[in-house]
């Protein structure tokens, strides 16, 4: 499992993010405080506080480099 911090601070970013993660056959979880949401669920994402940085857990290491490259626009250092 790999964890990165991401920012989804606009509706357009959320839509693009969901489109990007659904391309992969891997499971993704968004963790904000005590809430854990399936990152492929657009309704779940909108239930989070999107003004804050969110932890993204990527389960599976098969194509992690390709995933990180695709998600680069959302990752915050």
N, C-alpha and C. Protein backbone atom coordinates (compact mmCIF):
# COMPACT_ATOMS: atom_id res chain seq x y z
N UNK A 1 0.83 -1.19 0.00
CA UNK A 1 0.00 0.00 0.00
C UNK A 1 0.87 1.24 0.00
N UNK A 2 0.45 2.24 -0.74
CA UNK A 2 1.16 3.51 -0.82
C UNK A 2 0.19 4.62 -0.43
N UNK A 3 0.66 5.59 0.35
CA UNK A 3 -0.16 6.73 0.73
C UNK A 3 0.43 8.02 0.21
N UNK A 4 -0.43 8.88 -0.31
CA UNK A 4 -0.02 10.22 -0.75
C UNK A 4 -1.07 11.21 -0.28
N UNK A 5 -0.68 12.47 -0.19
CA UNK A 5 -1.62 13.53 0.17
C UNK A 5 -2.08 14.21 -1.11
N UNK A 6 -3.41 14.42 -1.21
CA UNK A 6 -3.94 15.06 -2.41
C UNK A 6 -4.85 16.22 -2.02
N UNK A 7 -5.08 17.09 -3.00
CA UNK A 7 -5.99 18.21 -2.83
C UNK A 7 -7.04 18.15 -3.93
N UNK A 8 -8.30 18.17 -3.54
CA UNK A 8 -9.42 18.18 -4.48
C UNK A 8 -10.30 19.37 -4.13
N UNK A 9 -9.81 20.58 -4.43
CA UNK A 9 -10.47 21.79 -3.95
C UNK A 9 -11.44 22.43 -4.94
N UNK A 10 -11.85 21.70 -5.99
CA UNK A 10 -12.87 22.22 -6.89
C UNK A 10 -13.70 21.06 -7.45
N UNK A 11 -14.89 21.37 -7.91
CA UNK A 11 -15.77 20.35 -8.46
C UNK A 11 -15.14 19.70 -9.69
N UNK A 12 -14.52 20.53 -10.54
CA UNK A 12 -13.87 19.99 -11.75
C UNK A 12 -12.74 19.03 -11.40
N UNK A 13 -11.98 19.38 -10.35
CA UNK A 13 -10.88 18.51 -9.92
C UNK A 13 -11.41 17.16 -9.42
N UNK A 14 -12.51 17.18 -8.70
CA UNK A 14 -13.10 15.94 -8.19
C UNK A 14 -13.55 15.06 -9.35
N UNK A 15 -14.24 15.66 -10.33
CA UNK A 15 -14.70 14.89 -11.50
C UNK A 15 -13.53 14.27 -12.25
N UNK A 16 -12.49 15.07 -12.49
CA UNK A 16 -11.32 14.57 -13.21
C UNK A 16 -10.62 13.47 -12.41
N UNK A 17 -10.51 13.66 -11.08
CA UNK A 17 -9.87 12.66 -10.22
C UNK A 17 -10.60 11.33 -10.29
N UNK A 18 -11.93 11.35 -10.17
CA UNK A 18 -12.71 10.11 -10.21
C UNK A 18 -12.54 9.44 -11.57
N UNK A 19 -12.55 10.21 -12.64
CA UNK A 19 -12.33 9.64 -13.97
C UNK A 19 -10.96 8.98 -14.06
N UNK A 20 -9.95 9.60 -13.45
CA UNK A 20 -8.58 9.05 -13.50
C UNK A 20 -8.46 7.76 -12.70
N UNK A 21 -8.99 7.74 -11.47
CA UNK A 21 -8.82 6.54 -10.64
C UNK A 21 -9.66 5.36 -11.13
N UNK A 22 -10.79 5.63 -11.80
CA UNK A 22 -11.61 4.52 -12.28
C UNK A 22 -10.96 3.79 -13.46
N UNK A 23 -9.93 4.38 -14.04
CA UNK A 23 -9.20 3.72 -15.14
C UNK A 23 -8.38 2.53 -14.63
N UNK A 24 -8.10 2.53 -13.33
CA UNK A 24 -7.24 1.50 -12.75
C UNK A 24 -8.08 0.44 -12.04
N UNK A 25 -7.56 -0.78 -12.03
CA UNK A 25 -8.24 -1.91 -11.40
C UNK A 25 -7.85 -2.05 -9.93
N UNK A 26 -7.25 -1.02 -9.38
CA UNK A 26 -6.73 -1.02 -8.01
C UNK A 26 -7.76 -0.37 -7.10
N UNK A 27 -7.73 -0.70 -5.80
CA UNK A 27 -8.61 -0.04 -4.83
C UNK A 27 -7.94 1.20 -4.29
N UNK A 28 -8.72 2.27 -4.16
CA UNK A 28 -8.24 3.54 -3.63
C UNK A 28 -9.16 3.96 -2.49
N UNK A 29 -8.57 4.40 -1.37
CA UNK A 29 -9.35 4.94 -0.25
C UNK A 29 -8.91 6.36 0.03
N UNK A 30 -9.89 7.24 0.28
CA UNK A 30 -9.59 8.59 0.74
C UNK A 30 -9.84 8.63 2.24
N UNK A 31 -8.88 9.15 3.00
CA UNK A 31 -8.99 9.20 4.45
C UNK A 31 -8.93 10.66 4.90
N UNK A 32 -10.00 11.09 5.55
CA UNK A 32 -10.07 12.45 6.08
C UNK A 32 -10.58 12.34 7.51
N UNK A 33 -9.68 12.57 8.46
CA UNK A 33 -10.05 12.40 9.87
C UNK A 33 -10.39 10.95 10.13
N UNK A 34 -11.60 10.70 10.61
CA UNK A 34 -12.00 9.32 10.90
C UNK A 34 -12.83 8.71 9.78
N UNK A 35 -13.00 9.45 8.68
CA UNK A 35 -13.79 8.96 7.55
C UNK A 35 -12.90 8.30 6.50
N UNK A 36 -13.33 7.15 6.01
CA UNK A 36 -12.64 6.44 4.93
C UNK A 36 -13.66 6.25 3.81
N UNK A 37 -13.35 6.79 2.64
CA UNK A 37 -14.28 6.79 1.51
C UNK A 37 -13.62 6.09 0.33
N UNK A 38 -14.40 5.35 -0.44
CA UNK A 38 -13.92 4.77 -1.70
C UNK A 38 -13.65 5.93 -2.66
N UNK A 39 -12.42 6.04 -3.15
CA UNK A 39 -12.04 7.17 -4.00
C UNK A 39 -12.72 7.13 -5.37
N UNK A 40 -13.37 6.03 -5.70
CA UNK A 40 -14.08 5.95 -6.98
C UNK A 40 -15.54 6.39 -6.84
N UNK A 41 -15.93 6.80 -5.64
CA UNK A 41 -17.30 7.24 -5.38
C UNK A 41 -17.37 8.76 -5.33
N UNK A 42 -17.91 9.35 -6.38
CA UNK A 42 -17.97 10.81 -6.45
C UNK A 42 -18.86 11.37 -5.33
N UNK A 43 -19.94 10.67 -5.00
CA UNK A 43 -20.82 11.13 -3.92
C UNK A 43 -20.09 11.06 -2.57
N UNK A 44 -19.31 10.00 -2.38
CA UNK A 44 -18.54 9.87 -1.14
C UNK A 44 -17.54 11.00 -0.99
N UNK A 45 -16.87 11.34 -2.08
CA UNK A 45 -15.85 12.41 -2.04
C UNK A 45 -16.50 13.73 -1.65
N UNK A 46 -17.69 14.01 -2.19
CA UNK A 46 -18.36 15.28 -1.86
C UNK A 46 -18.84 15.33 -0.42
N UNK A 47 -18.83 14.19 0.30
CA UNK A 47 -19.21 14.21 1.71
C UNK A 47 -18.03 14.61 2.60
N UNK A 48 -16.83 14.71 2.01
CA UNK A 48 -15.65 15.09 2.78
C UNK A 48 -15.45 16.60 2.78
N UNK A 49 -14.62 17.09 3.70
CA UNK A 49 -14.25 18.50 3.73
C UNK A 49 -13.14 18.70 2.70
N UNK A 50 -13.49 19.21 1.53
CA UNK A 50 -12.54 19.31 0.43
C UNK A 50 -11.63 20.54 0.52
N UNK A 51 -11.82 21.35 1.57
CA UNK A 51 -10.93 22.49 1.74
C UNK A 51 -9.60 22.06 2.38
N UNK A 52 -9.57 20.82 2.89
CA UNK A 52 -8.36 20.30 3.54
C UNK A 52 -7.65 19.29 2.64
N UNK A 53 -6.39 19.05 2.92
CA UNK A 53 -5.63 18.01 2.22
C UNK A 53 -6.14 16.66 2.69
N UNK A 54 -6.28 15.71 1.76
CA UNK A 54 -6.84 14.39 2.05
C UNK A 54 -5.78 13.33 1.78
N UNK A 55 -5.74 12.30 2.62
CA UNK A 55 -4.83 11.18 2.39
C UNK A 55 -5.46 10.20 1.40
N UNK A 56 -4.67 9.79 0.40
CA UNK A 56 -5.12 8.78 -0.56
C UNK A 56 -4.30 7.53 -0.34
N UNK A 57 -4.96 6.42 -0.01
CA UNK A 57 -4.30 5.13 0.13
C UNK A 57 -4.52 4.32 -1.14
N UNK A 58 -3.42 3.88 -1.74
CA UNK A 58 -3.47 3.08 -2.96
C UNK A 58 -3.14 1.66 -2.58
N UNK A 59 -4.08 0.74 -2.76
CA UNK A 59 -3.90 -0.66 -2.39
C UNK A 59 -3.43 -1.44 -3.61
N UNK A 60 -2.29 -2.10 -3.47
CA UNK A 60 -1.74 -2.84 -4.60
C UNK A 60 -0.54 -2.11 -5.18
N UNK A 61 0.45 -2.85 -5.56
CA UNK A 61 1.70 -2.23 -6.02
C UNK A 61 2.00 -2.55 -7.48
N UNK A 62 1.04 -3.12 -8.22
CA UNK A 62 1.31 -3.58 -9.57
C UNK A 62 1.83 -2.46 -10.48
N UNK A 63 1.02 -1.42 -10.66
CA UNK A 63 1.39 -0.35 -11.58
C UNK A 63 1.45 0.99 -10.85
N UNK A 64 2.10 1.00 -9.70
CA UNK A 64 2.12 2.18 -8.83
C UNK A 64 2.74 3.39 -9.52
N UNK A 65 3.77 3.20 -10.34
CA UNK A 65 4.40 4.34 -11.02
C UNK A 65 3.45 5.00 -12.00
N UNK A 66 2.71 4.18 -12.73
CA UNK A 66 1.73 4.72 -13.69
C UNK A 66 0.61 5.46 -12.96
N UNK A 67 0.17 4.90 -11.84
CA UNK A 67 -0.88 5.54 -11.04
C UNK A 67 -0.40 6.89 -10.53
N UNK A 68 0.79 6.93 -9.94
CA UNK A 68 1.32 8.19 -9.40
C UNK A 68 1.50 9.24 -10.49
N UNK A 69 1.91 8.81 -11.68
CA UNK A 69 2.08 9.74 -12.80
C UNK A 69 0.72 10.32 -13.20
N UNK A 70 -0.30 9.47 -13.25
CA UNK A 70 -1.65 9.92 -13.61
C UNK A 70 -2.22 10.88 -12.57
N UNK A 71 -1.91 10.62 -11.29
CA UNK A 71 -2.48 11.43 -10.20
C UNK A 71 -1.64 12.63 -9.82
N UNK A 72 -0.55 12.86 -10.54
CA UNK A 72 0.38 13.96 -10.24
C UNK A 72 -0.32 15.32 -10.07
N UNK A 73 -1.32 15.68 -10.89
CA UNK A 73 -1.97 17.01 -10.73
C UNK A 73 -2.67 17.21 -9.39
N UNK A 74 -2.99 16.13 -8.69
CA UNK A 74 -3.74 16.24 -7.43
C UNK A 74 -2.84 16.11 -6.20
N UNK A 75 -1.64 15.59 -6.38
CA UNK A 75 -0.75 15.31 -5.25
C UNK A 75 -0.11 16.60 -4.74
N UNK A 76 -0.11 16.77 -3.42
CA UNK A 76 0.56 17.89 -2.78
C UNK A 76 1.74 17.36 -2.00
N UNK A 77 2.81 18.10 -2.01
CA UNK A 77 4.04 17.66 -1.33
C UNK A 77 3.99 18.01 0.14
